[in-house]
Amino acid sequence: MRSCGRRPTVDESRLAAWMPWVGGPGARALALAQMAVGLPLTAWGLRRHSGGWTTAGALLIAHGALGTAYGLSKRP
C-alpha cells in the first residue's frame, strides 16, 4: 500500500524500463529536435494548404514544447 503524502517517481513506476530518457539530456535533445522539425513542417503545410501536414507539424511542436517544459521544470 502506498503512503498518502508521497507520489511515486518515474524510477519507481512500472514504466521505468520503457522510459530511459525521461528528464535526462537525451529527452531535452529529443524535445528540441521535435520542435525543430515541427516548425518547417507546419510552415510547409500552411503554404500548401494541407491540413494533415499542418496538424503533424503542430503536434510535433506541441509535444516538443511539453517535453522541454517538463525537462526545465524537473531540473535539480
PDB file of N, CA and C in Angstrom:
ATOM      1  N   MET A   1       0.832  -1.182   0.000  1.00  0.00           N
ATOM      2  CA  MET A   1       0.000   0.000   0.000  1.00  0.00           C
ATOM      3  C   MET A   1       0.877   1.247   0.000  1.00  0.00           C
ATOM      4  N   ARG A   2       0.505   2.238  -0.748  1.00  0.00           N
ATOM      5  CA  ARG A   2       1.279   3.464  -0.866  1.00  0.00           C
ATOM      6  C   ARG A   2       0.959   4.416   0.277  1.00  0.00           C
ATOM      7  N   SER A   3       1.977   5.212   0.632  1.00  0.00           N
ATOM      8  CA  SER A   3       1.714   6.226   1.651  1.00  0.00           C
ATOM      9  C   SER A   3       0.926   7.371   1.023  1.00  0.00           C
ATOM     10  N   CYS A   4       0.143   8.046   1.807  1.00  0.00           N
ATOM     11  CA  CYS A   4      -0.772   9.067   1.299  1.00  0.00           C
ATOM     12  C   CYS A   4      -0.063  10.324   0.818  1.00  0.00           C
ATOM     13  N   GLY A   5       1.007  10.748   1.485  1.00  0.00           N
ATOM     14  CA  GLY A   5       1.617  12.024   1.166  1.00  0.00           C
ATOM     15  C   GLY A   5       2.689  11.968   0.089  1.00  0.00           C
ATOM     16  N   ARG A   6       3.031  10.802  -0.436  1.00  0.00           N
ATOM     17  CA  ARG A   6       4.143  10.680  -1.366  1.00  0.00           C
ATOM     18  C   ARG A   6       3.686  10.061  -2.680  1.00  0.00           C
ATOM     19  N   ARG A   7       4.105  10.686  -3.769  1.00  0.00           N
ATOM     20  CA  ARG A   7       3.779  10.152  -5.091  1.00  0.00           C
ATOM     21  C   ARG A   7       4.981   9.388  -5.618  1.00  0.00           C
ATOM     22  N   PRO A   8       4.761   8.296  -6.325  1.00  0.00           N
ATOM     23  CA  PRO A   8       5.899   7.535  -6.859  1.00  0.00           C
ATOM     24  C   PRO A   8       6.613   8.324  -7.962  1.00  0.00           C
ATOM     25  N   THR A   9       7.911   8.177  -8.028  1.00  0.00           N
ATOM     26  CA  THR A   9       8.694   8.847  -9.064  1.00  0.00           C
ATOM     27  C   THR A   9       8.747   7.967 -10.305  1.00  0.00           C
ATOM     28  N   VAL A  10       9.321   8.507 -11.359  1.00  0.00           N
ATOM     29  CA  VAL A  10       9.420   7.761 -12.619  1.00  0.00           C
ATOM     30  C   VAL A  10      10.247   6.501 -12.432  1.00  0.00           C
ATOM     31  N   ASP A  11      11.309   6.578 -11.641  1.00  0.00           N
ATOM     32  CA  ASP A  11      12.165   5.416 -11.428  1.00  0.00           C
ATOM     33  C   ASP A  11      11.455   4.284 -10.697  1.00  0.00           C
ATOM     34  N   GLU A  12      10.423   4.593  -9.941  1.00  0.00           N
ATOM     35  CA  GLU A  12       9.703   3.591  -9.169  1.00  0.00           C
ATOM     36  C   GLU A  12       8.490   3.027  -9.896  1.00  0.00           C
ATOM     37  N   SER A  13       8.171   3.574 -11.045  1.00  0.00           N
ATOM     38  CA  SER A  13       6.967   3.122 -11.735  1.00  0.00           C
ATOM     39  C   SER A  13       7.237   1.869 -12.562  1.00  0.00           C
ATOM     40  N   ARG A  14       6.164   1.241 -13.009  1.00  0.00           N
ATOM     41  CA  ARG A  14       6.286   0.053 -13.857  1.00  0.00           C
ATOM     42  C   ARG A  14       6.814   0.404 -15.238  1.00  0.00           C
ATOM     43  N   LEU A  15       6.697   1.658 -15.628  1.00  0.00           N
ATOM     44  CA  LEU A  15       7.118   2.083 -16.957  1.00  0.00           C
ATOM     45  C   LEU A  15       8.573   2.539 -17.008  1.00  0.00           C
ATOM     46  N   ALA A  16       9.316   2.420 -15.921  1.00  0.00           N
ATOM     47  CA  ALA A  16      10.682   2.933 -15.869  1.00  0.00           C
ATOM     48  C   ALA A  16      11.561   2.311 -16.953  1.00  0.00           C
ATOM     49  N   ALA A  17      11.390   1.050 -17.224  1.00  0.00           N
ATOM     50  CA  ALA A  17      12.205   0.389 -18.251  1.00  0.00           C
ATOM     51  C   ALA A  17      11.886   0.898 -19.650  1.00  0.00           C
ATOM     52  N   TRP A  18      10.682   1.384 -19.864  1.00  0.00           N
ATOM     53  CA  TRP A  18      10.271   1.870 -21.174  1.00  0.00           C
ATOM     54  C   TRP A  18      10.586   3.342 -21.389  1.00  0.00           C
ATOM     55  N   MET A  19      10.997   4.044 -20.342  1.00  0.00           N
ATOM     56  CA  MET A  19      11.257   5.475 -20.445  1.00  0.00           C
ATOM     57  C   MET A  19      12.690   5.786 -19.991  1.00  0.00           C
ATOM     58  N   PRO A  20      13.695   5.357 -20.759  1.00  0.00           N
ATOM     59  CA  PRO A  20      15.063   5.545 -20.275  1.00  0.00           C
ATOM     60  C   PRO A  20      15.537   6.987 -20.318  1.00  0.00           C
ATOM     61  N   TRP A  21      14.911   7.854 -21.115  1.00  0.00           N
ATOM     62  CA  TRP A  21      15.403   9.214 -21.285  1.00  0.00           C
ATOM     63  C   TRP A  21      14.615  10.246 -20.511  1.00  0.00           C
ATOM     64  N   VAL A  22      13.666   9.872 -19.735  1.00  0.00           N
ATOM     65  CA  VAL A  22      12.803  10.849 -19.077  1.00  0.00           C
ATOM     66  C   VAL A  22      13.622  11.743 -18.160  1.00  0.00           C
ATOM     67  N   GLY A  23      13.574  13.032 -18.452  1.00  0.00           N
ATOM     68  CA  GLY A  23      14.244  14.006 -17.612  1.00  0.00           C
ATOM     69  C   GLY A  23      15.729  14.171 -17.851  1.00  0.00           C
ATOM     70  N   GLY A  24      16.329  13.359 -18.688  1.00  0.00           N
ATOM     71  CA  GLY A  24      17.765  13.458 -18.929  1.00  0.00           C
ATOM     72  C   GLY A  24      18.090  14.355 -20.108  1.00  0.00           C
ATOM     73  N   PRO A  25      19.373  14.466 -20.430  1.00  0.00           N
ATOM     74  CA  PRO A  25      19.777  15.312 -21.552  1.00  0.00           C
ATOM     75  C   PRO A  25      19.266  14.773 -22.885  1.00  0.00           C
ATOM     76  N   GLY A  26      19.088  13.476 -23.001  1.00  0.00           N
ATOM     77  CA  GLY A  26      18.540  12.903 -24.229  1.00  0.00           C
ATOM     78  C   GLY A  26      17.103  13.318 -24.466  1.00  0.00           C
ATOM     79  N   ALA A  27      16.347  13.452 -23.391  1.00  0.00           N
ATOM     80  CA  ALA A  27      14.949  13.873 -23.509  1.00  0.00           C
ATOM     81  C   ALA A  27      14.854  15.321 -23.969  1.00  0.00           C
ATOM     82  N   ARG A  28      15.729  16.164 -23.443  1.00  0.00           N
ATOM     83  CA  ARG A  28      15.732  17.566 -23.868  1.00  0.00           C
ATOM     84  C   ARG A  28      16.143  17.689 -25.326  1.00  0.00           C
ATOM     85  N   ALA A  29      17.129  16.904 -25.748  1.00  0.00           N
ATOM     86  CA  ALA A  29      17.572  16.937 -27.149  1.00  0.00           C
ATOM     87  C   ALA A  29      16.461  16.457 -28.074  1.00  0.00           C
ATOM     88  N   LEU A  30      15.746  15.408 -27.661  1.00  0.00           N
ATOM     89  CA  LEU A  30      14.645  14.897 -28.470  1.00  0.00           C
ATOM     90  C   LEU A  30      13.516  15.918 -28.568  1.00  0.00           C
ATOM     91  N   ALA A  31      13.206  16.591 -27.467  1.00  0.00           N
ATOM     92  CA  ALA A  31      12.147  17.600 -27.476  1.00  0.00           C
ATOM     93  C   ALA A  31      12.513  18.773 -28.382  1.00  0.00           C
ATOM     94  N   LEU A  32      13.760  19.200 -28.327  1.00  0.00           N
ATOM     95  CA  LEU A  32      14.196  20.296 -29.197  1.00  0.00           C
ATOM     96  C   LEU A  32      14.199  19.869 -30.662  1.00  0.00           C
ATOM     97  N   ALA A  33      14.560  18.614 -30.925  1.00  0.00           N
ATOM     98  CA  ALA A  33      14.530  18.107 -32.300  1.00  0.00           C
ATOM     99  C   ALA A  33      13.099  18.059 -32.833  1.00  0.00           C
ATOM    100  N   GLN A  34      12.151  17.666 -31.979  1.00  0.00           N
ATOM    101  CA  GLN A  34      10.751  17.639 -32.403  1.00  0.00           C
ATOM    102  C   GLN A  34      10.276  19.040 -32.767  1.00  0.00           C
ATOM    103  N   MET A  35      10.657  20.032 -31.975  1.00  0.00           N
ATOM    104  CA  MET A  35      10.249  21.399 -32.291  1.00  0.00           C
ATOM    105  C   MET A  35      10.944  21.893 -33.554  1.00  0.00           C
ATOM    106  N   ALA A  36      12.213  21.521 -33.735  1.00  0.00           N
ATOM    107  CA  ALA A  36      12.957  21.955 -34.918  1.00  0.00           C
ATOM    108  C   ALA A  36      12.383  21.352 -36.198  1.00  0.00           C
ATOM    109  N   VAL A  37      11.877  20.134 -36.124  1.00  0.00           N
ATOM    110  CA  VAL A  37      11.258  19.504 -37.295  1.00  0.00           C
ATOM    111  C   VAL A  37       9.831  19.995 -37.477  1.00  0.00           C
ATOM    112  N   GLY A  38       9.132  20.255 -36.390  1.00  0.00           N
ATOM    113  CA  GLY A  38       7.732  20.667 -36.458  1.00  0.00           C
ATOM    114  C   GLY A  38       7.519  22.043 -37.054  1.00  0.00           C
ATOM    115  N   LEU A  39       8.432  22.976 -36.798  1.00  0.00           N
ATOM    116  CA  LEU A  39       8.266  24.340 -37.322  1.00  0.00           C
ATOM    117  C   LEU A  39       8.258  24.392 -38.851  1.00  0.00           C
ATOM    118  N   PRO A  40       9.278  23.853 -39.539  1.00  0.00           N
ATOM    119  CA  PRO A  40       9.220  23.907 -41.003  1.00  0.00           C
ATOM    120  C   PRO A  40       8.106  23.038 -41.585  1.00  0.00           C
ATOM    121  N   LEU A  41       7.778  21.947 -40.902  1.00  0.00           N
ATOM    122  CA  LEU A  41       6.697  21.089 -41.381  1.00  0.00           C
ATOM    123  C   LEU A  41       5.359  21.821 -41.320  1.00  0.00           C
ATOM    124  N   THR A  42       5.134  22.569 -40.252  1.00  0.00           N
ATOM    125  CA  THR A  42       3.912  23.357 -40.137  1.00  0.00           C
ATOM    126  C   THR A  42       3.876  24.455 -41.196  1.00  0.00           C
ATOM    127  N   ALA A  43       4.999  25.122 -41.386  1.00  0.00           N
ATOM    128  CA  ALA A  43       5.054  26.176 -42.406  1.00  0.00           C
ATOM    129  C   ALA A  43       4.797  25.606 -43.797  1.00  0.00           C
ATOM    130  N   TRP A  44       5.379  24.444 -44.070  1.00  0.00           N
ATOM    131  CA  TRP A  44       5.182  23.807 -45.367  1.00  0.00           C
ATOM    132  C   TRP A  44       3.714  23.419 -45.559  1.00  0.00           C
ATOM    133  N   GLY A  45       3.096  22.876 -44.513  1.00  0.00           N
ATOM    134  CA  GLY A  45       1.684  22.509 -44.585  1.00  0.00           C
ATOM    135  C   GLY A  45       0.779  23.715 -44.789  1.00  0.00           C
ATOM    136  N   LEU A  46       1.107  24.825 -44.131  1.00  0.00           N
ATOM    137  CA  LEU A  46       0.314  26.045 -44.311  1.00  0.00           C
ATOM    138  C   LEU A  46       0.461  26.591 -45.726  1.00  0.00           C
ATOM    139  N   ARG A  47       1.679  26.539 -46.256  1.00  0.00           N
ATOM    140  CA  ARG A  47       1.920  27.034 -47.605  1.00  0.00           C
ATOM    141  C   ARG A  47       1.171  26.212 -48.656  1.00  0.00           C
ATOM    142  N   ARG A  48       1.098  24.899 -48.428  1.00  0.00           N
ATOM    143  CA  ARG A  48       0.426  24.008 -49.382  1.00  0.00           C
ATOM    144  C   ARG A  48      -1.068  23.846 -49.084  1.00  0.00           C
ATOM    145  N   HIS A  49      -1.561  24.496 -48.047  1.00  0.00           N
ATOM    146  CA  HIS A  49      -2.959  24.379 -47.614  1.00  0.00           C
ATOM    147  C   HIS A  49      -3.323  22.919 -47.330  1.00  0.00           C
ATOM    148  N   SER A  50      -2.403  22.234 -46.659  1.00  0.00           N
ATOM    149  CA  SER A  50      -2.589  20.828 -46.327  1.00  0.00           C
ATOM    150  C   SER A  50      -2.820  20.686 -44.824  1.00  0.00           C
ATOM    151  N   GLY A  51      -4.028  20.310 -44.478  1.00  0.00           N
ATOM    152  CA  GLY A  51      -4.374  20.170 -43.068  1.00  0.00           C
ATOM    153  C   GLY A  51      -3.609  19.073 -42.365  1.00  0.00           C
ATOM    154  N   GLY A  52      -3.313  17.994 -43.068  1.00  0.00           N
ATOM    155  CA  GLY A  52      -2.603  16.872 -42.455  1.00  0.00           C
ATOM    156  C   GLY A  52      -1.182  17.231 -42.051  1.00  0.00           C
ATOM    157  N   TRP A  53      -0.431  17.856 -42.977  1.00  0.00           N
ATOM    158  CA  TRP A  53       0.940  18.245 -42.667  1.00  0.00           C
ATOM    159  C   TRP A  53       0.988  19.341 -41.614  1.00  0.00           C
ATOM    160  N   THR A  54       0.036  20.244 -41.674  1.00  0.00           N
ATOM    161  CA  THR A  54      -0.021  21.310 -40.672  1.00  0.00           C
ATOM    162  C   THR A  54      -0.290  20.726 -39.289  1.00  0.00           C
ATOM    163  N   THR A  55      -1.208  19.773 -39.216  1.00  0.00           N
ATOM    164  CA  THR A  55      -1.518  19.128 -37.945  1.00  0.00           C
ATOM    165  C   THR A  55      -0.329  18.335 -37.428  1.00  0.00           C
ATOM    166  N   ALA A  56       0.337  17.606 -38.319  1.00  0.00           N
ATOM    167  CA  ALA A  56       1.513  16.829 -37.901  1.00  0.00           C
ATOM    168  C   ALA A  56       2.597  17.745 -37.342  1.00  0.00           C
ATOM    169  N   GLY A  57       2.840  18.859 -38.019  1.00  0.00           N
ATOM    170  CA  GLY A  57       3.834  19.811 -37.540  1.00  0.00           C
ATOM    171  C   GLY A  57       3.436  20.432 -36.211  1.00  0.00           C
ATOM    172  N   ALA A  58       2.172  20.783 -36.090  1.00  0.00           N
ATOM    173  CA  ALA A  58       1.694  21.385 -34.839  1.00  0.00           C
ATOM    174  C   ALA A  58       1.798  20.399 -33.676  1.00  0.00           C
ATOM    175  N   LEU A  59       1.513  19.134 -33.939  1.00  0.00           N
ATOM    176  CA  LEU A  59       1.636  18.118 -32.886  1.00  0.00           C
ATOM    177  C   LEU A  59       3.092  17.936 -32.465  1.00  0.00           C
ATOM    178  N   LEU A  60       3.999  17.949 -33.441  1.00  0.00           N
ATOM    179  CA  LEU A  60       5.420  17.851 -33.094  1.00  0.00           C
ATOM    180  C   LEU A  60       5.872  19.048 -32.266  1.00  0.00           C
ATOM    181  N   ILE A  61       5.423  20.236 -32.649  1.00  0.00           N
ATOM    182  CA  ILE A  61       5.782  21.434 -31.884  1.00  0.00           C
ATOM    183  C   ILE A  61       5.224  21.347 -30.471  1.00  0.00           C
ATOM    184  N   ALA A  62       3.971  20.943 -30.337  1.00  0.00           N
ATOM    185  CA  ALA A  62       3.343  20.859 -29.010  1.00  0.00           C
ATOM    186  C   ALA A  62       4.030  19.808 -28.148  1.00  0.00           C
ATOM    187  N   HIS A  63       4.326  18.651 -28.724  1.00  0.00           N
ATOM    188  CA  HIS A  63       4.965  17.586 -27.950  1.00  0.00           C
ATOM    189  C   HIS A  63       6.377  17.996 -27.538  1.00  0.00           C
ATOM    190  N   GLY A  64       7.092  18.645 -28.449  1.00  0.00           N
ATOM    191  CA  GLY A  64       8.420  19.123 -28.109  1.00  0.00           C
ATOM    192  C   GLY A  64       8.393  20.214 -27.048  1.00  0.00           C
ATOM    193  N   ALA A  65       7.411  21.107 -27.135  1.00  0.00           N
ATOM    194  CA  ALA A  65       7.296  22.170 -26.131  1.00  0.00           C
ATOM    195  C   ALA A  65       6.965  21.598 -24.757  1.00  0.00           C
ATOM    196  N   LEU A  66       6.087  20.614 -24.717  1.00  0.00           N
ATOM    197  CA  LEU A  66       5.760  19.983 -23.430  1.00  0.00           C
ATOM    198  C   LEU A  66       6.967  19.251 -22.855  1.00  0.00           C
ATOM    199  N   GLY A  67       7.704  18.562 -23.717  1.00  0.00           N
ATOM    200  CA  GLY A  67       8.910  17.870 -23.256  1.00  0.00           C
ATOM    201  C   GLY A  67       9.959  18.831 -22.732  1.00  0.00           C
ATOM    202  N   THR A  68      10.133  19.953 -23.417  1.00  0.00           N
ATOM    203  CA  THR A  68      11.080  20.966 -22.973  1.00  0.00           C
ATOM    204  C   THR A  68      10.632  21.581 -21.650  1.00  0.00           C
ATOM    205  N   ALA A  69       9.360  21.887 -21.529  1.00  0.00           N
ATOM    206  CA  ALA A  69       8.836  22.458 -20.283  1.00  0.00           C
ATOM    207  C   ALA A  69       8.991  21.471 -19.120  1.00  0.00           C
ATOM    208  N   TYR A  70       8.731  20.206 -19.384  1.00  0.00           N
ATOM    209  CA  TYR A  70       8.891  19.187 -18.331  1.00  0.00           C
ATOM    210  C   TYR A  70      10.355  19.084 -17.910  1.00  0.00           C
ATOM    211  N   GLY A  71      11.248  19.083 -18.901  1.00  0.00           N
ATOM    212  CA  GLY A  71      12.670  18.994 -18.599  1.00  0.00           C
ATOM    213  C   GLY A  71      13.163  20.177 -17.801  1.00  0.00           C
ATOM    214  N   LEU A  72      12.672  21.360 -18.128  1.00  0.00           N
ATOM    215  CA  LEU A  72      13.096  22.550 -17.397  1.00  0.00           C
ATOM    216  C   LEU A  72      12.503  22.610 -15.988  1.00  0.00           C
ATOM    217  N   SER A  73      11.301  22.081 -15.827  1.00  0.00           N
ATOM    218  CA  SER A  73      10.661  22.130 -14.502  1.00  0.00           C
ATOM    219  C   SER A  73      11.218  21.084 -13.559  1.00  0.00           C
ATOM    220  N   LYS A  74      11.802  20.034 -14.072  1.00  0.00           N
ATOM    221  CA  LYS A  74      12.328  18.948 -13.223  1.00  0.00           C
ATOM    222  C   LYS A  74      13.820  19.027 -13.004  1.00  0.00           C
ATOM    223  N   ARG A  75      14.444  20.150 -13.372  1.00  0.00           N
ATOM    224  CA  ARG A  75      15.887  20.297 -13.162  1.00  0.00           C
ATOM    225  C   ARG A  75      16.191  20.381 -11.670  1.00  0.00           C
ATOM    226  N   PRO A  76      17.303  19.755 -11.257  1.00  0.00           N
ATOM    227  CA  PRO A  76      17.674  19.832  -9.830  1.00  0.00           C
ATOM    228  C   PRO A  76      18.201  21.181  -9.435  1.00  0.00           C
TER     229      PRO A  76
END
